[in-house]
């Protein structure tokens, strides 16, 4: 039976979530599988990958062929490197301790890169948030300044209107007398 390591889609529309499974290549994409090897969530940044390394390597040793995307994920998490190193151990090119040491060193470097990316993303997010806050404060200050200017204009006009209304009764009496004479 030809076995593939591939992704099985779950999640809702627009929010995919994948199981990494070992399945018969003739089975449906989301159908029957032999073993669940891990999960992959591309909705987060960086993508969240939870992989059972030993199980994935076991399936690779048994001849399972990963799809392109599954191969990239397995390579990212170190399963392909472990499979390669185990091949070297079986041929006698290196000892198991050397292979484990190389794998541990590689995993540490990879974890450092991922941590650096997460730190960079959180810093960029914080910078963007502070810039947005500064822009919002500036807009609020401009709006407040315009409101103060508008209040002053309204106060001036009301003072003029009040002054005119106090003068208006005399003016209206003069107008009324002129109208009566005419």
N, C-alpha and C. Protein backbone atom coordinates (compact mmCIF):
# COMPACT_ATOMS: atom_id res chain seq x y z
N UNK A 1 0.86 -1.17 0.00
CA UNK A 1 0.00 0.00 0.00
C UNK A 1 0.90 1.23 0.00
N UNK A 2 0.77 2.11 -1.01
CA UNK A 2 1.59 3.33 -1.06
C UNK A 2 1.09 4.34 -0.04
N UNK A 3 1.98 4.73 0.87
CA UNK A 3 1.62 5.65 1.95
C UNK A 3 2.17 7.03 1.65
N UNK A 4 1.36 8.04 1.91
CA UNK A 4 1.77 9.44 1.75
C UNK A 4 1.64 10.14 3.09
N UNK A 5 2.55 11.06 3.34
CA UNK A 5 2.39 11.98 4.47
C UNK A 5 1.87 13.26 3.83
N UNK A 6 0.66 13.65 4.23
CA UNK A 6 0.01 14.79 3.58
C UNK A 6 -0.83 15.57 4.57
N UNK A 7 -1.40 16.66 4.07
CA UNK A 7 -2.24 17.51 4.91
C UNK A 7 -3.71 17.13 4.73
N UNK A 8 -4.43 17.14 5.83
CA UNK A 8 -5.87 16.89 5.82
C UNK A 8 -6.55 18.14 6.34
N UNK A 9 -7.39 18.75 5.50
CA UNK A 9 -7.95 20.06 5.84
C UNK A 9 -9.08 19.94 6.85
N UNK A 10 -9.03 20.84 7.82
CA UNK A 10 -10.09 21.00 8.81
C UNK A 10 -10.31 22.49 8.97
N UNK A 11 -11.14 22.89 9.91
CA UNK A 11 -11.39 24.31 10.13
C UNK A 11 -12.56 24.78 9.30
N UNK A 12 -12.84 26.08 9.39
CA UNK A 12 -13.99 26.62 8.67
C UNK A 12 -13.55 27.36 7.41
N UNK A 13 -14.51 27.79 6.66
CA UNK A 13 -14.23 28.47 5.41
C UNK A 13 -13.42 29.73 5.65
N UNK A 14 -12.30 29.87 4.97
CA UNK A 14 -11.45 31.03 5.12
C UNK A 14 -10.47 30.93 6.28
N UNK A 15 -10.63 29.94 7.14
CA UNK A 15 -9.74 29.73 8.29
C UNK A 15 -9.28 28.27 8.32
N UNK A 16 -8.40 27.89 7.41
CA UNK A 16 -8.01 26.47 7.35
C UNK A 16 -7.14 26.08 8.54
N UNK A 17 -7.26 24.82 8.90
CA UNK A 17 -6.44 24.20 9.94
C UNK A 17 -6.18 22.80 9.43
N UNK A 18 -4.93 22.37 9.45
CA UNK A 18 -4.58 21.10 8.83
C UNK A 18 -4.06 20.11 9.85
N UNK A 19 -4.40 18.84 9.62
CA UNK A 19 -3.76 17.74 10.32
C UNK A 19 -2.71 17.20 9.37
N UNK A 20 -1.55 16.87 9.89
CA UNK A 20 -0.53 16.20 9.10
C UNK A 20 -0.72 14.71 9.38
N UNK A 21 -1.05 13.94 8.34
CA UNK A 21 -1.39 12.53 8.52
C UNK A 21 -0.58 11.64 7.58
N UNK A 22 -0.43 10.40 8.00
CA UNK A 22 0.09 9.35 7.13
C UNK A 22 -1.14 8.60 6.64
N UNK A 23 -1.34 8.58 5.33
CA UNK A 23 -2.55 7.99 4.78
C UNK A 23 -2.24 7.22 3.51
N UNK A 24 -3.12 6.31 3.18
CA UNK A 24 -3.02 5.60 1.91
C UNK A 24 -3.22 6.63 0.80
N UNK A 25 -2.38 6.58 -0.21
CA UNK A 25 -2.45 7.60 -1.26
C UNK A 25 -3.75 7.52 -2.05
N UNK A 26 -4.45 6.39 -1.99
CA UNK A 26 -5.71 6.24 -2.73
C UNK A 26 -6.90 6.75 -1.94
N UNK A 27 -6.72 7.07 -0.66
CA UNK A 27 -7.81 7.58 0.17
C UNK A 27 -8.11 9.03 -0.18
N UNK A 28 -9.33 9.47 0.16
CA UNK A 28 -9.71 10.85 -0.09
C UNK A 28 -8.86 11.79 0.75
N UNK A 29 -8.80 13.04 0.33
CA UNK A 29 -7.98 14.04 1.03
C UNK A 29 -8.35 14.13 2.50
N UNK A 30 -9.63 14.23 2.80
CA UNK A 30 -10.09 14.39 4.17
C UNK A 30 -10.65 13.08 4.72
N UNK A 31 -10.32 11.98 4.07
CA UNK A 31 -10.90 10.70 4.46
C UNK A 31 -10.05 9.92 5.44
N UNK A 32 -10.07 8.61 5.26
CA UNK A 32 -9.41 7.68 6.17
C UNK A 32 -7.89 7.90 6.17
N UNK A 33 -7.29 7.83 7.36
CA UNK A 33 -5.84 7.96 7.47
C UNK A 33 -5.32 6.90 8.43
N UNK A 34 -4.03 6.63 8.36
CA UNK A 34 -3.41 5.61 9.19
C UNK A 34 -3.00 6.16 10.55
N UNK A 35 -2.40 7.36 10.56
CA UNK A 35 -1.96 7.94 11.82
C UNK A 35 -1.86 9.46 11.67
N UNK A 36 -2.27 10.15 12.73
CA UNK A 36 -2.12 11.60 12.77
C UNK A 36 -0.73 11.90 13.31
N UNK A 37 0.07 12.61 12.51
CA UNK A 37 1.46 12.89 12.86
C UNK A 37 1.61 14.25 13.52
N UNK A 38 0.72 15.19 13.19
CA UNK A 38 0.83 16.52 13.77
C UNK A 38 -0.26 17.44 13.26
N UNK A 39 -0.11 18.73 13.56
CA UNK A 39 -1.06 19.74 13.11
C UNK A 39 -0.30 20.93 12.54
N UNK A 40 -1.01 21.69 11.68
CA UNK A 40 -0.43 22.87 11.05
C UNK A 40 -1.50 23.94 10.98
N UNK A 41 -1.21 25.11 11.57
CA UNK A 41 -2.15 26.23 11.56
C UNK A 41 -1.51 27.42 10.85
N UNK A 42 -1.87 27.66 9.58
CA UNK A 42 -1.27 28.78 8.83
C UNK A 42 -1.87 30.13 9.16
N UNK A 43 -2.88 30.19 10.03
CA UNK A 43 -3.55 31.45 10.33
C UNK A 43 -2.76 32.34 11.29
N UNK A 44 -1.80 31.77 11.99
CA UNK A 44 -0.99 32.55 12.91
C UNK A 44 0.29 33.00 12.21
N UNK A 45 0.95 34.00 12.80
CA UNK A 45 2.20 34.47 12.21
C UNK A 45 3.26 34.45 13.29
N UNK A 46 4.28 33.63 13.19
CA UNK A 46 4.54 32.59 12.20
C UNK A 46 3.60 31.42 12.40
N UNK A 47 3.47 30.61 11.36
CA UNK A 47 2.54 29.49 11.38
C UNK A 47 2.86 28.55 12.53
N UNK A 48 1.81 28.01 13.16
CA UNK A 48 1.97 27.11 14.29
C UNK A 48 2.02 25.68 13.77
N UNK A 49 3.11 24.98 14.09
CA UNK A 49 3.27 23.60 13.67
C UNK A 49 3.56 22.75 14.90
N UNK A 50 2.73 21.74 15.11
CA UNK A 50 2.94 20.79 16.20
C UNK A 50 3.15 19.43 15.54
N UNK A 51 4.35 18.87 15.67
CA UNK A 51 4.70 17.66 14.95
C UNK A 51 5.29 16.64 15.91
N UNK A 52 4.82 15.39 15.81
CA UNK A 52 5.41 14.28 16.55
C UNK A 52 6.59 13.80 15.70
N UNK A 53 7.79 14.23 16.05
CA UNK A 53 8.98 13.98 15.26
C UNK A 53 9.26 12.49 15.10
N UNK A 54 9.14 11.75 16.18
CA UNK A 54 9.44 10.31 16.13
C UNK A 54 8.49 9.57 15.20
N UNK A 55 7.22 9.92 15.29
CA UNK A 55 6.22 9.26 14.44
C UNK A 55 6.45 9.60 12.96
N UNK A 56 6.76 10.86 12.67
CA UNK A 56 7.00 11.27 11.29
C UNK A 56 8.23 10.55 10.72
N UNK A 57 9.29 10.46 11.52
CA UNK A 57 10.51 9.78 11.07
C UNK A 57 10.25 8.29 10.87
N UNK A 58 9.42 7.71 11.75
CA UNK A 58 9.07 6.28 11.62
C UNK A 58 8.40 6.03 10.26
N UNK A 59 7.46 6.91 9.89
CA UNK A 59 6.77 6.75 8.62
C UNK A 59 7.73 6.98 7.45
N UNK A 60 8.65 7.90 7.58
CA UNK A 60 9.63 8.12 6.51
C UNK A 60 10.53 6.89 6.35
N UNK A 61 10.93 6.27 7.47
CA UNK A 61 11.74 5.05 7.41
C UNK A 61 10.97 3.91 6.76
N UNK A 62 9.66 3.90 6.95
CA UNK A 62 8.83 2.84 6.37
C UNK A 62 8.51 3.10 4.90
N UNK A 63 8.97 4.21 4.35
CA UNK A 63 8.80 4.45 2.92
C UNK A 63 7.68 5.40 2.55
N UNK A 64 7.10 6.08 3.51
CA UNK A 64 6.04 7.04 3.19
C UNK A 64 6.64 8.23 2.45
N UNK A 65 5.96 8.67 1.40
CA UNK A 65 6.42 9.80 0.61
C UNK A 65 5.62 11.05 0.97
N UNK A 66 6.28 12.09 1.45
CA UNK A 66 5.53 13.32 1.79
C UNK A 66 5.19 14.12 0.53
N UNK A 67 4.06 14.82 0.58
CA UNK A 67 3.72 15.74 -0.51
C UNK A 67 4.66 16.95 -0.40
N UNK A 68 4.61 17.84 -1.37
CA UNK A 68 5.53 19.00 -1.36
C UNK A 68 5.35 19.85 -0.10
N UNK A 69 4.12 20.16 0.23
CA UNK A 69 3.87 20.99 1.41
C UNK A 69 4.25 20.25 2.68
N UNK A 70 3.89 18.98 2.76
CA UNK A 70 4.25 18.18 3.94
C UNK A 70 5.77 18.06 4.05
N UNK A 71 6.47 17.92 2.91
CA UNK A 71 7.93 17.84 2.93
C UNK A 71 8.52 19.14 3.49
N UNK A 72 7.97 20.27 3.08
CA UNK A 72 8.45 21.56 3.58
C UNK A 72 8.24 21.67 5.09
N UNK A 73 7.09 21.22 5.57
CA UNK A 73 6.81 21.27 7.00
C UNK A 73 7.73 20.32 7.76
N UNK A 74 7.89 19.12 7.25
CA UNK A 74 8.78 18.15 7.91
C UNK A 74 10.22 18.66 7.92
N UNK A 75 10.62 19.29 6.86
CA UNK A 75 11.97 19.85 6.79
C UNK A 75 12.12 21.00 7.78
N UNK A 76 11.10 21.84 7.90
CA UNK A 76 11.11 22.98 8.81
C UNK A 76 11.25 22.52 10.26
N UNK A 77 10.61 21.42 10.61
CA UNK A 77 10.64 20.92 11.98
C UNK A 77 11.78 19.94 12.24
N UNK A 78 12.55 19.56 11.22
CA UNK A 78 13.72 18.72 11.41
C UNK A 78 13.51 17.24 11.19
N UNK A 79 12.35 16.80 10.77
CA UNK A 79 12.09 15.38 10.56
C UNK A 79 12.90 14.85 9.37
N UNK A 80 13.01 15.64 8.32
CA UNK A 80 13.79 15.20 7.14
C UNK A 80 15.27 15.09 7.51
N UNK A 81 15.78 16.02 8.32
CA UNK A 81 17.18 15.96 8.74
C UNK A 81 17.42 14.73 9.62
N UNK A 82 16.49 14.45 10.53
CA UNK A 82 16.63 13.27 11.39
C UNK A 82 16.61 12.00 10.54
N UNK A 83 15.73 11.94 9.55
CA UNK A 83 15.67 10.78 8.65
C UNK A 83 17.00 10.62 7.90
N UNK A 84 17.54 11.73 7.44
CA UNK A 84 18.82 11.72 6.73
C UNK A 84 19.95 11.25 7.65
N UNK A 85 20.00 11.79 8.87
CA UNK A 85 21.04 11.41 9.82
C UNK A 85 20.92 9.94 10.23
N UNK A 86 19.68 9.45 10.37
CA UNK A 86 19.49 8.03 10.70
C UNK A 86 19.99 7.14 9.57
N UNK A 87 19.86 7.61 8.34
CA UNK A 87 20.43 6.87 7.20
C UNK A 87 21.94 6.79 7.31
N UNK A 88 22.58 7.88 7.73
CA UNK A 88 24.03 7.88 7.92
C UNK A 88 24.45 6.96 9.05
N UNK A 89 23.65 6.89 10.11
CA UNK A 89 23.95 6.00 11.23
C UNK A 89 23.85 4.54 10.78
N UNK A 90 22.81 4.22 10.00
CA UNK A 90 22.63 2.84 9.56
C UNK A 90 23.75 2.41 8.60
N UNK A 91 24.33 3.34 7.87
CA UNK A 91 25.44 3.03 6.96
C UNK A 91 26.78 3.02 7.67
N UNK A 92 26.80 3.52 8.91
CA UNK A 92 28.02 3.54 9.69
C UNK A 92 28.87 4.78 9.47
N UNK A 93 28.33 5.79 8.83
CA UNK A 93 29.09 7.01 8.57
C UNK A 93 29.30 7.83 9.84
N UNK A 94 28.36 7.72 10.79
CA UNK A 94 28.48 8.42 12.05
C UNK A 94 27.74 7.65 13.13
N UNK A 95 28.03 7.98 14.37
CA UNK A 95 27.38 7.29 15.48
C UNK A 95 26.06 7.96 15.82
N UNK A 96 25.25 7.26 16.61
CA UNK A 96 23.95 7.80 17.01
C UNK A 96 24.12 9.07 17.84
N UNK A 97 25.15 9.12 18.69
CA UNK A 97 25.39 10.31 19.52
C UNK A 97 25.73 11.52 18.65
N UNK A 98 26.55 11.30 17.62
CA UNK A 98 26.90 12.40 16.71
C UNK A 98 25.66 12.90 15.98
N UNK A 99 24.83 11.96 15.53
CA UNK A 99 23.61 12.33 14.82
C UNK A 99 22.68 13.12 15.74
N UNK A 100 22.52 12.65 16.99
CA UNK A 100 21.66 13.36 17.94
C UNK A 100 22.20 14.75 18.24
N UNK A 101 23.52 14.86 18.33
CA UNK A 101 24.16 16.15 18.60
C UNK A 101 23.92 17.14 17.45
N UNK A 102 24.09 16.64 16.23
CA UNK A 102 23.85 17.50 15.06
C UNK A 102 22.39 17.96 15.01
N UNK A 103 21.48 17.05 15.28
CA UNK A 103 20.06 17.39 15.26
C UNK A 103 19.74 18.41 16.34
N UNK A 104 20.27 18.22 17.55
CA UNK A 104 20.00 19.15 18.65
C UNK A 104 20.55 20.54 18.32
N UNK A 105 21.74 20.60 17.74
CA UNK A 105 22.33 21.88 17.35
C UNK A 105 21.46 22.58 16.31
N UNK A 106 21.00 21.82 15.33
CA UNK A 106 20.17 22.39 14.27
C UNK A 106 18.84 22.89 14.85
N UNK A 107 18.25 22.11 15.75
CA UNK A 107 16.97 22.52 16.36
C UNK A 107 17.13 23.78 17.19
N UNK A 108 18.25 23.93 17.89
CA UNK A 108 18.50 25.15 18.67
C UNK A 108 18.60 26.37 17.76
N UNK A 109 19.34 26.22 16.66
CA UNK A 109 19.47 27.34 15.71
C UNK A 109 18.11 27.72 15.14
N UNK A 110 17.32 26.71 14.81
CA UNK A 110 15.99 26.95 14.24
C UNK A 110 15.10 27.65 15.26
N UNK A 111 15.16 27.21 16.51
CA UNK A 111 14.35 27.84 17.56
C UNK A 111 14.77 29.29 17.75
N UNK A 112 16.07 29.57 17.65
CA UNK A 112 16.55 30.95 17.76
C UNK A 112 16.02 31.82 16.64
N UNK A 113 15.98 31.28 15.43
CA UNK A 113 15.46 32.04 14.29
C UNK A 113 13.97 32.33 14.46
N UNK A 114 13.23 31.33 14.92
CA UNK A 114 11.78 31.51 15.11
C UNK A 114 11.52 32.55 16.20
N UNK A 115 12.29 32.47 17.29
CA UNK A 115 12.14 33.43 18.38
C UNK A 115 12.46 34.85 17.91
N UNK A 116 13.52 34.96 17.09
CA UNK A 116 13.89 36.27 16.56
C UNK A 116 12.77 36.84 15.69
N UNK A 117 12.15 35.98 14.89
CA UNK A 117 11.05 36.44 14.03
C UNK A 117 9.86 36.88 14.87
N UNK A 118 9.54 36.12 15.91
CA UNK A 118 8.42 36.49 16.78
C UNK A 118 8.69 37.83 17.46
N UNK A 119 9.94 38.01 17.95
CA UNK A 119 10.30 39.27 18.59
C UNK A 119 10.20 40.44 17.62
N UNK A 120 10.67 40.22 16.41
CA UNK A 120 10.62 41.26 15.38
C UNK A 120 9.17 41.63 15.07
N UNK A 121 8.31 40.63 14.93
CA UNK A 121 6.91 40.89 14.63
C UNK A 121 6.22 41.63 15.78
N UNK A 122 6.51 41.24 17.01
CA UNK A 122 5.88 41.93 18.13
C UNK A 122 6.38 43.36 18.25
N UNK A 123 7.67 43.58 17.95
CA UNK A 123 8.22 44.94 17.98
C UNK A 123 7.58 45.80 16.89
N UNK A 124 7.45 45.23 15.69
CA UNK A 124 6.80 45.98 14.60
C UNK A 124 5.36 46.31 14.95
N UNK A 125 4.68 45.37 15.58
CA UNK A 125 3.29 45.59 15.96
C UNK A 125 3.19 46.70 17.01
N UNK A 126 4.11 46.68 17.96
CA UNK A 126 4.12 47.72 19.00
C UNK A 126 4.45 49.08 18.39
N UNK A 127 5.40 49.13 17.45
CA UNK A 127 5.73 50.39 16.79
C UNK A 127 4.54 50.92 16.00
N UNK A 128 3.86 50.03 15.28
CA UNK A 128 2.70 50.45 14.51
C UNK A 128 1.61 50.99 15.44
N UNK A 129 1.44 50.33 16.57
CA UNK A 129 0.42 50.77 17.53
C UNK A 129 0.76 52.14 18.10
N UNK A 130 2.05 52.37 18.41
CA UNK A 130 2.44 53.66 18.97
C UNK A 130 2.32 54.77 17.91
N UNK A 131 2.64 54.46 16.66
CA UNK A 131 2.47 55.45 15.59
C UNK A 131 1.00 55.80 15.41
N UNK A 132 0.15 54.78 15.44
CA UNK A 132 -1.29 55.03 15.30
C UNK A 132 -1.81 55.87 16.45
N UNK A 133 -1.32 55.61 17.66
CA UNK A 133 -1.74 56.38 18.82
C UNK A 133 -1.28 57.84 18.70
N UNK A 134 -0.04 58.04 18.23
CA UNK A 134 0.47 59.40 18.05
C UNK A 134 -0.35 60.15 16.99
N UNK A 135 -0.67 59.46 15.90
CA UNK A 135 -1.48 60.08 14.85
C UNK A 135 -2.87 60.42 15.37
N UNK A 136 -3.43 59.55 16.18
CA UNK A 136 -4.75 59.81 16.74
C UNK A 136 -4.73 61.00 17.70
N UNK A 137 -3.67 61.08 18.52
CA UNK A 137 -3.55 62.22 19.43
C UNK A 137 -3.43 63.52 18.65
N UNK A 138 -2.64 63.50 17.59
CA UNK A 138 -2.47 64.70 16.76
C UNK A 138 -3.80 65.11 16.14
N UNK A 139 -4.54 64.13 15.63
CA UNK A 139 -5.84 64.43 15.04
C UNK A 139 -6.79 65.00 16.10
N UNK A 140 -6.76 64.45 17.29
CA UNK A 140 -7.62 64.96 18.37
C UNK A 140 -7.25 66.39 18.74
N UNK A 141 -5.94 66.69 18.79
CA UNK A 141 -5.51 68.06 19.10
C UNK A 141 -5.98 69.03 18.02
N UNK A 142 -5.87 68.64 16.76
CA UNK A 142 -6.34 69.50 15.67
C UNK A 142 -7.84 69.73 15.79
N UNK A 143 -8.57 68.66 16.09
CA UNK A 143 -10.02 68.76 16.22
C UNK A 143 -10.38 69.68 17.39
N UNK A 144 -9.64 69.55 18.48
CA UNK A 144 -9.90 70.41 19.64
C UNK A 144 -9.58 71.87 19.31
N UNK A 145 -8.50 72.11 18.57
CA UNK A 145 -8.13 73.47 18.19
C UNK A 145 -9.21 74.08 17.29
N UNK A 146 -9.72 73.29 16.36
CA UNK A 146 -10.80 73.78 15.49
C UNK A 146 -12.04 74.09 16.31
N UNK A 147 -12.33 73.26 17.30
CA UNK A 147 -13.51 73.49 18.14
C UNK A 147 -13.35 74.78 18.94
N UNK A 148 -12.14 75.05 19.43
CA UNK A 148 -11.90 76.28 20.19
C UNK A 148 -12.08 77.49 19.27
N UNK A 149 -11.54 77.41 18.07
CA UNK A 149 -11.68 78.52 17.11
C UNK A 149 -13.16 78.70 16.77
N UNK A 150 -13.87 77.62 16.56
CA UNK A 150 -15.30 77.72 16.25
C UNK A 150 -16.06 78.32 17.42
N UNK A 151 -15.72 77.98 18.65
CA UNK A 151 -16.38 78.56 19.82
C UNK A 151 -16.13 80.05 19.89
N UNK A 152 -14.89 80.48 19.61
CA UNK A 152 -14.58 81.91 19.64
C UNK A 152 -15.40 82.66 18.60
N UNK A 153 -15.51 82.08 17.40
CA UNK A 153 -16.30 82.72 16.35
C UNK A 153 -17.75 82.80 16.77
N UNK A 154 -18.27 81.74 17.36
CA UNK A 154 -19.66 81.74 17.81
C UNK A 154 -19.86 82.78 18.90
N UNK A 155 -18.92 82.89 19.84
CA UNK A 155 -19.03 83.88 20.92
C UNK A 155 -19.01 85.29 20.36
N UNK A 156 -18.13 85.54 19.37
CA UNK A 156 -18.06 86.87 18.76
C UNK A 156 -19.37 87.20 18.06
N UNK A 157 -19.89 86.24 17.32
CA UNK A 157 -21.14 86.50 16.60
C UNK A 157 -22.30 86.69 17.57
N UNK A 158 -22.31 85.92 18.66
CA UNK A 158 -23.39 86.12 19.63
C UNK A 158 -23.29 87.47 20.32
N UNK A 159 -22.05 87.91 20.57
CA UNK A 159 -21.87 89.24 21.17
C UNK A 159 -22.36 90.30 20.21
N UNK A 160 -22.08 90.15 18.92
CA UNK A 160 -22.55 91.12 17.92
C UNK A 160 -24.07 91.10 17.84
N UNK A 161 -24.64 89.90 17.87
CA UNK A 161 -26.09 89.79 17.78
C UNK A 161 -26.74 90.43 19.02
N UNK A 162 -26.14 90.19 20.18
CA UNK A 162 -26.67 90.79 21.41
C UNK A 162 -26.57 92.30 21.32
N UNK A 163 -25.46 92.81 20.82
CA UNK A 163 -25.29 94.25 20.69
C UNK A 163 -26.30 94.82 19.71
N UNK A 164 -26.53 94.10 18.62
CA UNK A 164 -27.50 94.58 17.62
C UNK A 164 -28.92 94.56 18.20
N UNK A 165 -29.22 93.53 18.97
CA UNK A 165 -30.58 93.45 19.52
C UNK A 165 -30.83 94.55 20.54
N UNK A 166 -29.79 94.97 21.25
CA UNK A 166 -29.99 96.08 22.18
C UNK A 166 -30.18 97.38 21.41
N UNK A 167 -29.56 97.52 20.27
CA UNK A 167 -29.73 98.72 19.46
C UNK A 167 -30.99 98.64 18.61
N UNK A 168 -31.47 97.49 18.37
CA UNK A 168 -32.57 97.26 17.44
C UNK A 168 -33.87 97.94 17.85
N UNK A 169 -34.29 97.98 19.11
CA UNK A 169 -35.58 98.61 19.42
C UNK A 169 -35.62 100.07 18.98
N UNK A 170 -34.57 100.81 19.17
CA UNK A 170 -34.57 102.21 18.73
C UNK A 170 -34.62 102.30 17.22
N UNK A 171 -33.87 101.42 16.57
CA UNK A 171 -33.84 101.44 15.10
C UNK A 171 -35.20 101.04 14.56
N UNK A 172 -35.82 100.07 15.18
CA UNK A 172 -37.13 99.64 14.70
C UNK A 172 -38.18 100.73 14.92
N UNK A 173 -38.07 101.49 15.98
CA UNK A 173 -39.01 102.58 16.22
C UNK A 173 -38.82 103.65 15.16
N UNK A 174 -37.56 103.96 14.80
CA UNK A 174 -37.31 104.95 13.77
C UNK A 174 -37.85 104.47 12.43
N UNK A 175 -37.68 103.19 12.15
CA UNK A 175 -38.18 102.62 10.87
C UNK A 175 -39.70 102.68 10.84
N UNK A 176 -40.31 102.34 11.97
CA UNK A 176 -41.78 102.36 12.02
C UNK A 176 -42.30 103.78 11.81
N UNK A 177 -41.65 104.79 12.37
CA UNK A 177 -42.12 106.16 12.20
C UNK A 177 -41.92 106.60 10.75
N UNK A 178 -40.85 106.16 10.13
CA UNK A 178 -40.63 106.52 8.73
C UNK A 178 -41.68 105.87 7.84
N UNK A 179 -42.08 104.64 8.17
CA UNK A 179 -43.07 103.93 7.37
C UNK A 179 -44.45 104.62 7.52
N UNK A 180 -44.75 105.06 8.73
CA UNK A 180 -46.05 105.71 8.96
C UNK A 180 -46.11 107.05 8.22
N UNK A 181 -45.00 107.76 8.16
CA UNK A 181 -44.99 109.04 7.47
C UNK A 181 -45.14 108.85 5.97
N UNK A 182 -44.69 107.76 5.49
CA UNK A 182 -44.76 107.56 4.06
C UNK A 182 -46.07 107.11 3.59
